[in-house]
Amino acid sequence: MIDPIADMLTRIRNANAVRKSEVVLPMSKIKYELAKILEKEGWIIKAEIIKGEGSKNKSSVFDSLKIVLKYKKSGRPAITALKRISKPGLRIYAKKNELPKVLNNLGIAIISTPQGLMTNKEAKIRGVGGEVFCEIY
């Protein structure tokens, strides 16, 4: 897999399209941090790590990330759009004074900064820039 972040976003987008209640995907620290930001900002209900089951071959056991999706009372998904901005072939960076505004601050952009992953609003408060991972609204 070339771009695991894009894979994660696509799985969430596809699950929203067919009204799935949860998504299970391969675990990584960066995906978990991104999911925790989505949970903190209220775009998903819960993100948790599912430990790999024990089997005969211990080396083939991997952890998974379970994301419980959020829907409005009308049945529509809370997440309208997920867009990958910075890609492996074209990295997009934003300076601290040029951080993106998503949908007139109704959405969020997730920024990878030297201080870790954070939203564009949090990065603006802390005065840091970084790579723009994705936009959510």
C-alpha atoms as a PDB file:
ATOM      1  CA  MET A   1       0.000   0.000   0.000  1.00  0.00           C
ATOM      2  CA  ILE A   2       1.500   3.304  -1.094  1.00  0.00           C
ATOM      3  CA  ASP A   3      -0.605   5.728   0.957  1.00  0.00           C
ATOM      4  CA  PRO A   4      -2.177   4.315   4.150  1.00  0.00           C
ATOM      5  CA  ILE A   5      -3.795   7.656   5.097  1.00  0.00           C
ATOM      6  CA  ALA A   6      -5.636   7.836   1.764  1.00  0.00           C
ATOM      7  CA  ASP A   7      -6.702   4.210   2.259  1.00  0.00           C
ATOM      8  CA  MET A   8      -8.103   5.056   5.697  1.00  0.00           C
ATOM      9  CA  LEU A   9     -10.023   8.073   4.387  1.00  0.00           C
ATOM     10  CA  THR A  10     -11.407   6.040   1.487  1.00  0.00           C
ATOM     11  CA  ARG A  11     -12.590   3.270   3.808  1.00  0.00           C
ATOM     12  CA  ILE A  12     -14.384   5.830   6.003  1.00  0.00           C
ATOM     13  CA  ARG A  13     -15.898   7.520   2.927  1.00  0.00           C
ATOM     14  CA  ASN A  14     -17.103   4.168   1.524  1.00  0.00           C
ATOM     15  CA  ALA A  15     -18.571   3.061   4.874  1.00  0.00           C
ATOM     16  CA  ASN A  16     -20.446   6.377   5.128  1.00  0.00           C
ATOM     17  CA  ALA A  17     -21.826   5.894   1.619  1.00  0.00           C
ATOM     18  CA  VAL A  18     -23.403   2.540   2.511  1.00  0.00           C
ATOM     19  CA  ARG A  19     -24.402   3.612   6.060  1.00  0.00           C
ATOM     20  CA  LYS A  20     -22.127   1.180   7.924  1.00  0.00           C
ATOM     21  CA  SER A  21     -21.967   1.676  11.676  1.00  0.00           C
ATOM     22  CA  GLU A  22     -18.234   0.980  11.992  1.00  0.00           C
ATOM     23  CA  VAL A  23     -15.022   0.520  10.027  1.00  0.00           C
ATOM     24  CA  VAL A  24     -12.156  -1.815  10.925  1.00  0.00           C
ATOM     25  CA  LEU A  25      -8.783  -1.136   9.321  1.00  0.00           C
ATOM     26  CA  PRO A  26      -5.115  -1.980   9.891  1.00  0.00           C
ATOM     27  CA  MET A  27      -3.623  -0.167  12.878  1.00  0.00           C
ATOM     28  CA  SER A  28      -0.819   2.388  12.778  1.00  0.00           C
ATOM     29  CA  LYS A  29       0.087   5.187  15.169  1.00  0.00           C
ATOM     30  CA  ILE A  30      -0.640   7.948  12.675  1.00  0.00           C
ATOM     31  CA  LYS A  31      -4.062   6.505  11.744  1.00  0.00           C
ATOM     32  CA  TYR A  32      -4.912   6.199  15.439  1.00  0.00           C
ATOM     33  CA  GLU A  33      -3.891   9.821  16.107  1.00  0.00           C
ATOM     34  CA  LEU A  34      -5.950  10.988  13.110  1.00  0.00           C
ATOM     35  CA  ALA A  35      -8.971   8.991  14.349  1.00  0.00           C
ATOM     36  CA  LYS A  36      -8.573  10.445  17.855  1.00  0.00           C
ATOM     37  CA  ILE A  37      -8.656  13.967  16.378  1.00  0.00           C
ATOM     38  CA  LEU A  38     -11.863  13.077  14.491  1.00  0.00           C
ATOM     39  CA  GLU A  39     -13.334  11.744  17.747  1.00  0.00           C
ATOM     40  CA  LYS A  40     -12.304  14.818  19.745  1.00  0.00           C
ATOM     41  CA  GLU A  41     -13.790  17.161  17.116  1.00  0.00           C
ATOM     42  CA  GLY A  42     -17.081  15.219  17.023  1.00  0.00           C
ATOM     43  CA  TRP A  43     -16.916  13.778  13.491  1.00  0.00           C
ATOM     44  CA  ILE A  44     -16.955  10.143  14.691  1.00  0.00           C
ATOM     45  CA  ILE A  45     -18.296   8.494  17.853  1.00  0.00           C
ATOM     46  CA  LYS A  46     -15.316   6.398  18.916  1.00  0.00           C
ATOM     47  CA  ALA A  47     -11.898   5.136  17.816  1.00  0.00           C
ATOM     48  CA  GLU A  48     -10.325   2.167  19.551  1.00  0.00           C
ATOM     49  CA  ILE A  49      -7.540  -0.355  19.079  1.00  0.00           C
ATOM     50  CA  ILE A  50      -8.506  -4.015  18.718  1.00  0.00           C
ATOM     51  CA  LYS A  51      -5.653  -6.290  19.801  1.00  0.00           C
ATOM     52  CA  GLY A  52      -4.720  -9.086  17.415  1.00  0.00           C
ATOM     53  CA  GLU A  53      -5.967 -12.538  18.390  1.00  0.00           C
ATOM     54  CA  GLY A  54      -3.392 -15.115  19.462  1.00  0.00           C
ATOM     55  CA  SER A  55      -2.769 -17.928  17.019  1.00  0.00           C
ATOM     56  CA  LYS A  56      -0.162 -20.604  16.290  1.00  0.00           C
ATOM     57  CA  ASN A  57       1.985 -18.179  14.312  1.00  0.00           C
ATOM     58  CA  LYS A  58       2.540 -15.195  16.634  1.00  0.00           C
ATOM     59  CA  SER A  59       4.346 -13.150  13.957  1.00  0.00           C
ATOM     60  CA  SER A  60       1.210 -12.872  11.793  1.00  0.00           C
ATOM     61  CA  VAL A  61      -0.909 -11.178  14.491  1.00  0.00           C
ATOM     62  CA  PHE A  62      -1.651  -7.512  13.886  1.00  0.00           C
ATOM     63  CA  ASP A  63      -3.701  -4.925  15.743  1.00  0.00           C
ATOM     64  CA  SER A  64      -6.688  -3.269  14.087  1.00  0.00           C
ATOM     65  CA  LEU A  65      -8.283   0.136  14.433  1.00  0.00           C
ATOM     66  CA  LYS A  66     -12.062   0.222  14.901  1.00  0.00           C
ATOM     67  CA  ILE A  67     -13.843   3.479  14.080  1.00  0.00           C
ATOM     68  CA  VAL A  68     -17.518   3.893  15.018  1.00  0.00           C
ATOM     69  CA  LEU A  69     -19.124   6.320  12.572  1.00  0.00           C
ATOM     70  CA  LYS A  70     -21.511   9.100  13.529  1.00  0.00           C
ATOM     71  CA  TYR A  71     -24.818   9.843  11.804  1.00  0.00           C
ATOM     72  CA  LYS A  72     -27.323  12.676  12.215  1.00  0.00           C
ATOM     73  CA  LYS A  73     -30.927  12.065  13.301  1.00  0.00           C
ATOM     74  CA  SER A  74     -31.989  12.276   9.664  1.00  0.00           C
ATOM     75  CA  GLY A  75     -29.690   9.327   8.868  1.00  0.00           C
ATOM     76  CA  ARG A  76     -27.152  11.385   6.939  1.00  0.00           C
ATOM     77  CA  PRO A  77     -23.471  10.938   7.850  1.00  0.00           C
ATOM     78  CA  ALA A  78     -21.834  13.569  10.070  1.00  0.00           C
ATOM     79  CA  ILE A  79     -18.894  13.625   7.625  1.00  0.00           C
ATOM     80  CA  THR A  80     -19.944  15.125   4.309  1.00  0.00           C
ATOM     81  CA  ALA A  81     -16.522  15.042   2.666  1.00  0.00           C
ATOM     82  CA  LEU A  82     -13.026  13.742   3.360  1.00  0.00           C
ATOM     83  CA  LYS A  83     -10.297  15.040   1.048  1.00  0.00           C
ATOM     84  CA  ARG A  84      -6.657  13.990   1.012  1.00  0.00           C
ATOM     85  CA  ILE A  85      -4.610  17.144   0.381  1.00  0.00           C
ATOM     86  CA  SER A  86      -0.933  16.204   0.683  1.00  0.00           C
ATOM     87  CA  LYS A  87      -0.105  13.084  -1.305  1.00  0.00           C
ATOM     88  CA  PRO A  88       3.105  11.048  -1.592  1.00  0.00           C
ATOM     89  CA  GLY A  89       3.701  12.475  -5.069  1.00  0.00           C
ATOM     90  CA  LEU A  90       2.930  16.074  -4.114  1.00  0.00           C
ATOM     91  CA  ARG A  91       3.432  17.186  -0.531  1.00  0.00           C
ATOM     92  CA  ILE A  92       1.520  20.311   0.513  1.00  0.00           C
ATOM     93  CA  TYR A  93       2.872  22.405   3.381  1.00  0.00           C
ATOM     94  CA  ALA A  94       1.370  25.435   5.086  1.00  0.00           C
ATOM     95  CA  LYS A  95       3.207  28.110   7.037  1.00  0.00           C
ATOM     96  CA  LYS A  96       1.834  29.192  10.402  1.00  0.00           C
ATOM     97  CA  ASN A  97       0.260  32.309   8.877  1.00  0.00           C
ATOM     98  CA  GLU A  98      -1.087  30.482   5.782  1.00  0.00           C
ATOM     99  CA  LEU A  99      -3.035  27.647   7.431  1.00  0.00           C
ATOM    100  CA  PRO A 100      -6.092  26.579   5.412  1.00  0.00           C
ATOM    101  CA  LYS A 101      -9.642  27.573   6.328  1.00  0.00           C
ATOM    102  CA  VAL A 102     -12.069  24.763   5.561  1.00  0.00           C
ATOM    103  CA  LEU A 103     -15.619  25.733   4.605  1.00  0.00           C
ATOM    104  CA  ASN A 104     -15.345  29.078   6.421  1.00  0.00           C
ATOM    105  CA  ASN A 105     -14.204  27.303   9.620  1.00  0.00           C
ATOM    106  CA  LEU A 106     -17.148  24.845   9.650  1.00  0.00           C
ATOM    107  CA  GLY A 107     -14.777  22.020   8.737  1.00  0.00           C
ATOM    108  CA  ILE A 108     -11.264  21.139   9.853  1.00  0.00           C
ATOM    109  CA  ALA A 109      -7.927  20.473   8.224  1.00  0.00           C
ATOM    110  CA  ILE A 110      -5.542  18.040   9.895  1.00  0.00           C
ATOM    111  CA  ILE A 111      -1.961  19.270   9.976  1.00  0.00           C
ATOM    112  CA  SER A 112       1.163  17.232  10.739  1.00  0.00           C
ATOM    113  CA  THR A 113       3.401  19.578  12.735  1.00  0.00           C
ATOM    114  CA  PRO A 114       6.659  19.083  14.647  1.00  0.00           C
ATOM    115  CA  GLN A 115       4.448  18.957  17.770  1.00  0.00           C
ATOM    116  CA  GLY A 116       2.301  16.129  16.353  1.00  0.00           C
ATOM    117  CA  LEU A 117      -0.990  15.892  14.477  1.00  0.00           C
ATOM    118  CA  MET A 118      -3.488  18.667  15.169  1.00  0.00           C
ATOM    119  CA  THR A 119      -6.321  20.603  13.576  1.00  0.00           C
ATOM    120  CA  ASN A 120      -5.766  23.838  11.665  1.00  0.00           C
ATOM    121  CA  LYS A 121      -7.417  25.794  14.488  1.00  0.00           C
ATOM    122  CA  GLU A 122      -5.117  24.282  17.117  1.00  0.00           C
ATOM    123  CA  ALA A 123      -2.045  24.862  14.909  1.00  0.00           C
ATOM    124  CA  LYS A 124      -3.027  28.507  14.497  1.00  0.00           C
ATOM    125  CA  ILE A 125      -3.309  28.927  18.287  1.00  0.00           C
ATOM    126  CA  ARG A 126       0.079  27.255  18.851  1.00  0.00           C
ATOM    127  CA  GLY A 127       1.674  29.197  15.987  1.00  0.00           C
ATOM    128  CA  VAL A 128       3.008  26.227  14.003  1.00  0.00           C
ATOM    129  CA  GLY A 129       2.741  25.118  10.411  1.00  0.00           C
ATOM    130  CA  GLY A 130       3.270  21.763   8.734  1.00  0.00           C
ATOM    131  CA  GLU A 131       2.040  19.278   6.170  1.00  0.00           C
ATOM    132  CA  VAL A 132      -1.688  19.485   5.399  1.00  0.00           C
ATOM    133  CA  PHE A 133      -2.922  15.874   5.561  1.00  0.00           C
ATOM    134  CA  CYS A 134      -6.616  16.205   4.827  1.00  0.00           C
ATOM    135  CA  GLU A 135      -9.772  18.301   5.052  1.00  0.00           C
ATOM    136  CA  ILE A 136     -12.982  17.151   6.706  1.00  0.00           C
ATOM    137  CA  TYR A 137     -16.403  18.784   6.514  1.00  0.00           C
END
